[in-house]
Amino acid sequence: MNLNRDVAKQITEKTKQILGKKIIITDEKGSVIFGARPGDFNLYAYQSILRKSVIEEKNDERTTWSPLTYEGQVIGAVGIEGAFKEIKKDTIDLIQGLSEVLIYQEILLCRIYSIDRARSGFIREVLLEDTLTDENQIYDQADILRINLKANQAVILGYVKGLEENFLSSLQKLSQEEKMAKFEEHISKILADIRKAFEDNDQNVPVYFGNNLFLLLKGIRGSKITTENSTRFFKSKGEYFMDKLKEITGIEDITVGVGQFYPGLEGLKNSFNDAKLALEIGCKIWGPGKLYHILDVGIFISLAPISHQRKSDLTYQLLKPLLDDVELKKTVDVFLTNGMNLTEAAEELHVHRNTLIYRLDKVKKVIKLDPRTFNGAMQIKLGLMLSSLK
């Protein structure tokens, strides 16, 4: 373990708060890290490190040097303001104990950062790249990172507007490197809070995707989970995710995109693309600050730069209740062909006008689109065209 500037700064500041004394921290080679001019070599500090004993520096301002150790290894030295006879052993022991605690905390944080970074990189590779082709290898790597990719999962995305920009702008006095380190710590705390909110198990895994975007792999339990019967569940979890992001970050302007569940690794990729489409299209058409499920954006998926096959698949999900009901589908076809004229459509279908109205009400109920409005009719017509490509 090597001392870094952040830990040295914490040791210096905490010691001053407790003892009211100025101290200097050096690395294991006697070079100053904090408390004096960084990089300066101090011979007394170096001698203290080599001898593993307390040494007094007898200059104009006397300083007592003591080696700093961690797990039996000398990692640096601490220079305490005052002559050797003025510095009690309890003072040196207190600084040593404080240093060990702060170093241990730093190690834990580094491990957390490493896991968060590794999870983010791995999930990005699985969802966006084709470099991992062996499924067994993917599952093995996921297990190491405590990600249960064999579970039934869908992807939920949360865009937190201004998160990174606002946080970094509040750290004006720090270097860019220090700012990013602080931001990474901030993100790790947010991820820890999200994990806690979702029971902290290997089926519910949040990661930070950069650019203010959080991704949640959300699991669902059960033996007969399908794309159709899981929609309501994942939408409700998307709402919960949105509420938690607001609570944890203190930012209200959050947009969430929810993907469908599909089985397998390829299904997880489709779910990610669903969530991304829902987020992007929803924002463009209805604006940010809301939750959008892929089925909520309706036939506007035709605007997305995806394959005709994918558009057809998503459209089929949206219009499935209509497409599976021969009578309802024929009713809508005839109604739209007759320019949305109730009288003419009823005559062609050989049904009473009230019967036609009843059927159109049923269409609105099952697919959440009203064929009697221009917007609804346009989406249904386009959807029927796209579904025919299947």
Protein backbone atom coordinates (compact mmCIF):
# COMPACT_ATOMS: atom_id res chain seq x y z
CA MET A 1 0.00 0.00 0.00
CA ASN A 2 1.44 3.39 -1.03
CA LEU A 3 0.37 6.65 0.58
CA ASN A 4 -1.36 9.03 -1.81
CA ARG A 5 -2.09 12.74 -1.54
CA ASP A 6 -5.74 12.27 -0.53
CA VAL A 7 -4.90 10.00 2.42
CA ALA A 8 -1.97 12.22 3.47
CA LYS A 9 -4.23 15.26 3.36
CA GLN A 10 -6.86 13.51 5.50
CA ILE A 11 -4.24 12.44 8.08
CA THR A 12 -2.88 15.99 8.24
CA GLU A 13 -6.29 17.66 8.58
CA LYS A 14 -7.68 15.15 11.10
CA THR A 15 -4.55 15.42 13.26
CA LYS A 16 -4.76 19.20 13.27
CA GLN A 17 -8.43 19.01 14.30
CA ILE A 18 -7.69 16.62 17.18
CA LEU A 19 -4.26 17.79 18.42
CA GLY A 20 -4.01 21.30 17.01
CA LYS A 21 -0.55 20.46 15.66
CA LYS A 22 0.92 20.96 12.21
CA ILE A 23 2.23 17.75 10.65
CA ILE A 24 4.02 16.76 7.43
CA ILE A 25 3.56 13.47 5.59
CA THR A 26 6.20 11.88 3.34
CA ASP A 27 6.25 8.74 1.23
CA GLU A 28 8.46 5.70 1.93
CA LYS A 29 11.42 7.48 0.26
CA GLY A 30 11.20 10.64 2.35
CA SER A 31 9.58 12.84 -0.31
CA VAL A 32 6.93 15.23 1.02
CA ILE A 33 3.34 14.38 0.01
CA PHE A 34 1.41 16.89 2.13
CA GLY A 35 2.02 19.54 4.80
CA ALA A 36 5.03 21.18 3.13
CA ARG A 37 6.22 21.69 -0.44
CA PRO A 38 5.28 18.47 -2.32
CA GLY A 39 8.24 16.54 -3.70
CA ASP A 40 10.85 18.01 -1.34
CA PHE A 41 13.18 15.38 0.13
CA ASN A 42 13.50 15.35 3.94
CA LEU A 43 16.61 13.61 5.25
CA TYR A 44 15.25 13.22 8.78
CA ALA A 45 12.07 11.59 7.49
CA TYR A 46 14.16 9.20 5.40
CA GLN A 47 16.39 8.32 8.37
CA SER A 48 13.30 7.68 10.49
CA ILE A 49 12.00 5.33 7.80
CA LEU A 50 15.33 3.46 7.45
CA ARG A 51 15.87 3.10 11.21
CA LYS A 52 12.18 2.52 11.94
CA SER A 53 12.51 4.85 14.92
CA VAL A 54 11.61 8.36 16.10
CA ILE A 55 14.07 11.13 15.12
CA GLU A 56 14.18 14.83 16.00
CA GLU A 57 14.89 17.41 13.29
CA LYS A 58 16.80 20.23 15.04
CA ASN A 59 16.27 23.22 12.78
CA ASP A 60 14.71 26.62 13.53
CA GLU A 61 11.35 24.90 13.94
CA ARG A 62 11.89 21.56 15.61
CA THR A 63 10.04 18.60 14.15
CA THR A 64 9.77 15.06 15.47
CA TRP A 65 9.71 12.37 12.78
CA SER A 66 8.17 8.94 13.19
CA PRO A 67 7.72 6.16 10.62
CA LEU A 68 4.19 5.36 9.46
CA THR A 69 3.42 1.67 9.14
CA TYR A 70 0.56 -0.34 7.72
CA GLU A 71 0.29 -4.10 8.30
CA GLY A 72 3.90 -4.16 9.48
CA GLN A 73 5.28 -2.35 6.43
CA VAL A 74 6.77 1.16 6.57
CA ILE A 75 4.86 3.27 4.03
CA GLY A 76 6.09 6.76 4.91
CA ALA A 77 6.86 9.13 7.74
CA VAL A 78 5.02 11.76 9.76
CA GLY A 79 6.69 14.93 10.99
CA ILE A 80 5.04 16.38 14.10
CA GLU A 81 5.52 20.01 15.08
CA GLY A 82 7.61 20.18 18.28
CA ALA A 83 10.75 18.80 19.91
CA PHE A 84 11.07 15.11 20.73
CA LYS A 85 10.72 15.69 24.48
CA GLU A 86 7.46 17.60 23.89
CA ILE A 87 5.83 14.84 21.86
CA LYS A 88 4.22 12.14 23.94
CA LYS A 89 4.15 8.54 22.81
CA ASP A 90 0.34 8.70 22.95
CA THR A 91 0.44 11.43 20.30
CA ILE A 92 2.51 9.29 17.94
CA ASP A 93 0.30 6.26 18.62
CA LEU A 94 -2.83 8.32 17.94
CA ILE A 95 -1.48 9.54 14.59
CA GLN A 96 -0.40 6.00 13.69
CA GLY A 97 -3.83 4.60 14.58
CA LEU A 98 -5.63 7.37 12.70
CA SER A 99 -3.43 6.73 9.66
CA GLU A 100 -4.22 3.02 9.67
CA VAL A 101 -7.97 3.70 9.79
CA LEU A 102 -7.83 6.22 6.93
CA ILE A 103 -5.61 3.95 4.81
CA TYR A 104 -7.98 1.03 5.38
CA GLN A 105 -10.93 3.19 4.33
CA GLU A 106 -9.04 4.19 1.18
CA ILE A 107 -8.36 0.53 0.35
CA LEU A 108 -12.05 -0.31 0.77
CA LEU A 109 -13.06 2.62 -1.46
CA CYS A 110 -10.55 1.56 -4.12
CA ARG A 111 -12.00 -1.94 -4.08
CA ILE A 112 -15.52 -0.56 -4.43
CA TYR A 113 -14.43 1.68 -7.30
CA SER A 114 -12.71 -1.26 -8.98
CA ILE A 115 -15.83 -3.43 -8.75
CA ASP A 116 -18.09 -0.64 -10.00
CA ARG A 117 -15.77 0.08 -12.93
CA ALA A 118 -15.40 -3.61 -13.73
CA ARG A 119 -19.16 -4.18 -13.67
CA SER A 120 -19.80 -1.17 -15.88
CA GLY A 121 -17.15 -2.22 -18.40
CA PHE A 122 -18.35 -5.82 -18.46
CA ILE A 123 -22.04 -4.95 -18.90
CA ARG A 124 -21.14 -2.44 -21.62
CA GLU A 125 -19.17 -5.17 -23.40
CA VAL A 126 -22.04 -7.66 -23.14
CA LEU A 127 -24.71 -5.24 -24.35
CA LEU A 128 -22.87 -3.14 -26.93
CA GLU A 129 -19.97 -5.17 -28.29
CA ASP A 130 -19.44 -8.56 -29.90
CA THR A 131 -16.07 -9.30 -28.31
CA LEU A 132 -17.54 -11.83 -25.87
CA THR A 133 -18.91 -14.77 -27.83
CA ASP A 134 -18.59 -17.74 -25.47
CA GLU A 135 -21.72 -17.79 -23.28
CA ASN A 136 -20.11 -19.95 -20.60
CA GLN A 137 -17.21 -17.49 -20.39
CA ILE A 138 -19.66 -14.60 -20.11
CA TYR A 139 -21.57 -16.30 -17.29
CA ASP A 140 -18.31 -17.14 -15.47
CA GLN A 141 -17.12 -13.53 -15.64
CA ALA A 142 -20.54 -12.34 -14.50
CA ASP A 143 -20.44 -14.66 -11.47
CA ILE A 144 -17.05 -13.24 -10.44
CA LEU A 145 -18.59 -9.75 -10.51
CA ARG A 146 -21.72 -10.94 -8.65
CA ILE A 147 -23.99 -10.43 -11.65
CA ASN A 148 -26.53 -13.19 -12.21
CA LEU A 149 -27.02 -13.06 -15.98
CA LYS A 150 -28.85 -16.39 -15.91
CA ALA A 151 -31.75 -14.71 -14.11
CA ASN A 152 -34.76 -13.29 -15.95
CA GLN A 153 -33.87 -9.62 -16.33
CA ALA A 154 -34.79 -6.47 -18.21
CA VAL A 155 -32.87 -3.22 -18.60
CA ILE A 156 -33.99 0.08 -17.08
CA LEU A 157 -32.12 3.31 -17.88
CA GLY A 158 -32.18 6.49 -15.82
CA TYR A 159 -30.88 9.80 -17.17
CA VAL A 160 -30.08 12.28 -14.37
CA LYS A 161 -29.79 15.71 -15.98
CA GLY A 162 -26.80 17.77 -14.88
CA LEU A 163 -25.48 15.22 -12.36
CA GLU A 164 -21.87 15.21 -13.55
CA GLU A 165 -21.70 18.86 -14.62
CA ASN A 166 -23.17 20.20 -11.37
CA PHE A 167 -20.98 18.04 -9.15
CA LEU A 168 -17.73 18.89 -10.94
CA SER A 169 -18.55 22.61 -11.05
CA SER A 170 -18.81 22.57 -7.25
CA LEU A 171 -15.14 21.51 -7.00
CA GLN A 172 -13.52 24.56 -8.58
CA LYS A 173 -10.37 24.54 -6.44
CA LEU A 174 -9.37 20.95 -7.27
CA SER A 175 -7.37 19.70 -10.23
CA GLN A 176 -9.17 17.81 -12.99
CA GLU A 177 -7.71 14.54 -11.71
CA GLU A 178 -8.91 15.26 -8.17
CA LYS A 179 -12.35 16.26 -9.46
CA MET A 180 -12.77 12.97 -11.32
CA ALA A 181 -11.64 11.00 -8.26
CA LYS A 182 -14.23 12.79 -6.13
CA PHE A 183 -16.91 12.23 -8.76
CA GLU A 184 -16.08 8.53 -8.91
CA GLU A 185 -16.48 8.36 -5.14
CA HIS A 186 -19.82 10.18 -5.47
CA ILE A 187 -21.03 7.72 -8.12
CA SER A 188 -19.98 4.73 -6.01
CA LYS A 189 -22.06 6.05 -3.11
CA ILE A 190 -25.06 6.52 -5.40
CA LEU A 191 -24.67 2.97 -6.74
CA ALA A 192 -24.41 1.61 -3.19
CA ASP A 193 -27.68 3.37 -2.28
CA ILE A 194 -29.39 2.01 -5.40
CA ARG A 195 -28.21 -1.52 -4.59
CA LYS A 196 -29.59 -1.13 -1.07
CA ALA A 197 -32.94 0.07 -2.47
CA PHE A 198 -33.13 -3.03 -4.69
CA GLU A 199 -32.24 -5.57 -1.98
CA ASP A 200 -28.54 -5.69 -2.97
CA ASN A 201 -28.67 -9.06 -4.73
CA ASP A 202 -27.01 -10.38 -7.88
CA GLN A 203 -30.20 -10.11 -9.97
CA ASN A 204 -30.53 -6.34 -9.43
CA VAL A 205 -27.31 -4.70 -10.59
CA PRO A 206 -26.91 -0.91 -11.11
CA VAL A 207 -23.96 0.56 -13.02
CA TYR A 208 -23.00 4.03 -14.20
CA PHE A 209 -22.75 4.25 -17.98
CA GLY A 210 -21.28 7.77 -18.09
CA ASN A 211 -22.85 11.00 -19.38
CA ASN A 212 -25.35 11.12 -16.47
CA LEU A 213 -26.82 7.72 -17.41
CA PHE A 214 -27.45 4.90 -14.93
CA LEU A 215 -28.31 1.37 -16.04
CA LEU A 216 -30.16 -1.14 -13.88
CA LEU A 217 -30.32 -4.85 -14.65
CA LYS A 218 -33.60 -5.70 -12.89
CA GLY A 219 -34.47 -9.29 -12.14
CA ILE A 220 -37.91 -10.85 -11.94
CA ARG A 221 -38.66 -14.09 -10.11
CA GLY A 222 -40.99 -16.80 -11.35
CA SER A 223 -40.99 -19.87 -13.57
CA LYS A 224 -43.36 -18.73 -16.32
CA ILE A 225 -42.13 -15.24 -17.11
CA THR A 226 -42.89 -13.97 -20.61
CA THR A 227 -42.46 -10.69 -22.43
CA GLU A 228 -46.21 -10.08 -22.23
CA ASN A 229 -46.86 -10.89 -18.57
CA SER A 230 -43.85 -8.97 -17.19
CA THR A 231 -44.54 -5.54 -18.72
CA ARG A 232 -46.45 -4.13 -15.75
CA PHE A 233 -43.84 -5.41 -13.28
CA PHE A 234 -40.89 -3.76 -15.02
CA LYS A 235 -42.79 -0.54 -15.55
CA SER A 236 -43.53 -0.33 -11.82
CA LYS A 237 -39.86 -1.02 -11.03
CA GLY A 238 -38.93 1.75 -13.47
CA GLU A 239 -41.12 4.14 -11.48
CA TYR A 240 -39.46 2.99 -8.25
CA PHE A 241 -36.01 3.44 -9.84
CA MET A 242 -36.97 6.97 -10.87
CA ASP A 243 -38.16 7.84 -7.35
CA LYS A 244 -34.98 6.46 -5.79
CA LEU A 245 -32.72 8.34 -8.20
CA LYS A 246 -34.51 11.57 -7.27
CA GLU A 247 -34.20 10.80 -3.57
CA ILE A 248 -30.53 9.75 -3.74
CA THR A 249 -29.22 12.46 -6.08
CA GLY A 250 -31.52 15.29 -5.02
CA ILE A 251 -32.20 16.00 -8.71
CA GLU A 252 -35.80 16.12 -9.97
CA ASP A 253 -35.12 16.25 -13.72
CA ILE A 254 -34.81 12.51 -14.34
CA THR A 255 -35.99 10.56 -17.38
CA VAL A 256 -36.36 6.79 -17.32
CA GLY A 257 -36.55 4.32 -20.20
CA VAL A 258 -37.83 0.79 -19.57
CA GLY A 259 -37.12 -2.19 -21.82
CA GLN A 260 -39.11 -5.39 -22.18
CA PHE A 261 -37.97 -8.74 -20.83
CA TYR A 262 -36.68 -11.23 -23.40
CA PRO A 263 -34.96 -14.51 -22.48
CA GLY A 264 -31.22 -15.09 -22.85
CA LEU A 265 -28.24 -12.84 -23.48
CA GLU A 266 -29.53 -11.73 -26.87
CA GLY A 267 -32.79 -10.88 -25.15
CA LEU A 268 -30.92 -8.71 -22.66
CA LYS A 269 -29.34 -6.80 -25.56
CA ASN A 270 -32.81 -6.27 -27.05
CA SER A 271 -34.05 -5.07 -23.67
CA PHE A 272 -31.22 -2.52 -23.50
CA ASN A 273 -32.06 -1.28 -27.00
CA ASP A 274 -35.74 -1.05 -25.97
CA ALA A 275 -34.89 1.07 -22.94
CA LYS A 276 -32.58 3.30 -24.99
CA LEU A 277 -35.24 3.79 -27.68
CA ALA A 278 -37.94 4.51 -25.12
CA LEU A 279 -35.72 7.11 -23.44
CA GLU A 280 -34.63 8.83 -26.66
CA ILE A 281 -37.96 8.80 -28.51
CA GLY A 282 -39.97 9.67 -25.40
CA CYS A 283 -37.76 12.72 -24.75
CA LYS A 284 -38.01 13.89 -28.36
CA ILE A 285 -41.80 13.61 -28.57
CA TRP A 286 -43.13 14.28 -25.05
CA GLY A 287 -40.12 15.80 -23.31
CA PRO A 288 -37.77 14.86 -20.43
CA GLY A 289 -38.63 14.25 -16.81
CA LYS A 290 -40.98 11.30 -17.39
CA LEU A 291 -40.91 7.51 -17.52
CA TYR A 292 -41.23 5.82 -20.91
CA HIS A 293 -41.75 2.11 -21.45
CA ILE A 294 -40.91 0.88 -24.94
CA LEU A 295 -44.61 0.21 -25.54
CA ASP A 296 -45.49 3.74 -24.41
CA VAL A 297 -43.67 5.28 -27.35
CA GLY A 298 -45.92 3.30 -29.65
CA ILE A 299 -45.43 3.33 -33.37
CA PHE A 300 -43.03 6.25 -33.08
CA ILE A 301 -40.35 3.54 -33.04
CA SER A 302 -40.62 3.83 -36.82
CA LEU A 303 -38.53 7.00 -36.38
CA ALA A 304 -35.69 5.04 -34.82
CA PRO A 305 -32.61 3.92 -36.79
CA ILE A 306 -33.22 0.20 -36.27
CA SER A 307 -33.89 -2.68 -38.64
CA HIS A 308 -37.31 -3.29 -40.20
CA GLN A 309 -37.35 -6.65 -38.43
CA ARG A 310 -36.85 -5.02 -35.02
CA LYS A 311 -39.52 -2.42 -35.78
CA SER A 312 -41.84 -5.23 -36.82
CA ASP A 313 -41.16 -7.17 -33.60
CA LEU A 314 -41.84 -4.16 -31.37
CA THR A 315 -44.94 -3.20 -33.34
CA TYR A 316 -46.27 -6.72 -33.00
CA GLN A 317 -45.90 -6.49 -29.21
CA LEU A 318 -47.81 -3.22 -29.19
CA LEU A 319 -50.63 -4.36 -31.47
CA LYS A 320 -50.72 -8.03 -30.42
CA PRO A 321 -54.20 -7.87 -28.80
CA LEU A 322 -55.52 -6.38 -32.04
CA LEU A 323 -53.60 -8.66 -34.40
CA ASP A 324 -54.71 -11.76 -32.47
CA ASP A 325 -58.40 -10.83 -32.72
CA VAL A 326 -59.53 -11.36 -36.33
CA GLU A 327 -62.82 -9.51 -35.84
CA LEU A 328 -61.23 -6.46 -34.22
CA LYS A 329 -58.46 -6.28 -36.82
CA LYS A 330 -60.97 -6.42 -39.67
CA THR A 331 -63.07 -3.75 -37.94
CA VAL A 332 -60.10 -1.39 -37.69
CA ASP A 333 -58.98 -2.09 -41.27
CA VAL A 334 -62.44 -1.27 -42.65
CA PHE A 335 -62.87 1.77 -40.40
CA LEU A 336 -59.54 3.26 -41.51
CA THR A 337 -60.09 2.37 -45.17
CA ASN A 338 -63.39 4.29 -45.04
CA GLY A 339 -61.65 7.42 -43.83
CA MET A 340 -62.75 6.94 -40.18
CA ASN A 341 -66.40 7.35 -41.24
CA LEU A 342 -68.59 5.42 -38.79
CA THR A 343 -71.64 5.13 -41.05
CA GLU A 344 -69.78 3.86 -44.12
CA ALA A 345 -67.64 1.45 -42.08
CA ALA A 346 -70.71 0.02 -40.30
CA GLU A 347 -72.44 -0.55 -43.65
CA GLU A 348 -69.44 -2.37 -45.13
CA LEU A 349 -69.11 -4.54 -42.02
CA HIS A 350 -72.89 -5.19 -41.97
CA VAL A 351 -73.12 -4.23 -38.30
CA HIS A 352 -75.08 -1.62 -36.38
CA ARG A 353 -73.33 1.70 -35.78
CA ASN A 354 -73.42 1.10 -32.00
CA THR A 355 -71.73 -2.28 -32.51
CA LEU A 356 -68.95 -0.59 -34.43
CA ILE A 357 -68.55 2.00 -31.67
CA TYR A 358 -68.39 -0.81 -29.08
CA ARG A 359 -65.64 -2.56 -31.05
CA LEU A 360 -63.63 0.64 -31.47
CA ASP A 361 -63.91 1.25 -27.72
CA LYS A 362 -62.54 -2.25 -27.19
CA VAL A 363 -59.62 -1.53 -29.53
CA LYS A 364 -58.77 1.58 -27.52
CA LYS A 365 -58.89 -0.43 -24.30
CA VAL A 366 -56.62 -3.29 -25.43
CA ILE A 367 -53.92 -1.36 -27.32
CA LYS A 368 -54.21 2.07 -25.61
CA LEU A 369 -54.66 3.81 -29.00
CA ASP A 370 -57.96 5.33 -30.14
CA PRO A 371 -58.60 4.70 -33.87
CA ARG A 372 -61.15 7.57 -33.89
CA THR A 373 -58.46 10.20 -33.29
CA PHE A 374 -56.03 11.30 -35.97
CA ASN A 375 -52.98 10.50 -33.82
CA GLY A 376 -54.31 7.07 -32.83
CA ALA A 377 -55.42 6.20 -36.37
CA MET A 378 -52.05 7.23 -37.79
CA GLN A 379 -50.12 5.09 -35.29
CA ILE A 380 -52.38 2.07 -35.82
CA LYS A 381 -52.16 2.34 -39.61
CA LEU A 382 -48.39 2.64 -39.51
CA GLY A 383 -48.21 -0.21 -37.02
CA LEU A 384 -50.26 -2.51 -39.24
CA MET A 385 -47.93 -1.71 -42.12
CA LEU A 386 -44.83 -2.44 -40.02
CA SER A 387 -46.27 -5.64 -38.59
CA SER A 388 -46.86 -6.93 -42.11
CA LEU A 389 -43.06 -6.94 -42.56
CA LYS A 390 -42.75 -9.69 -39.96
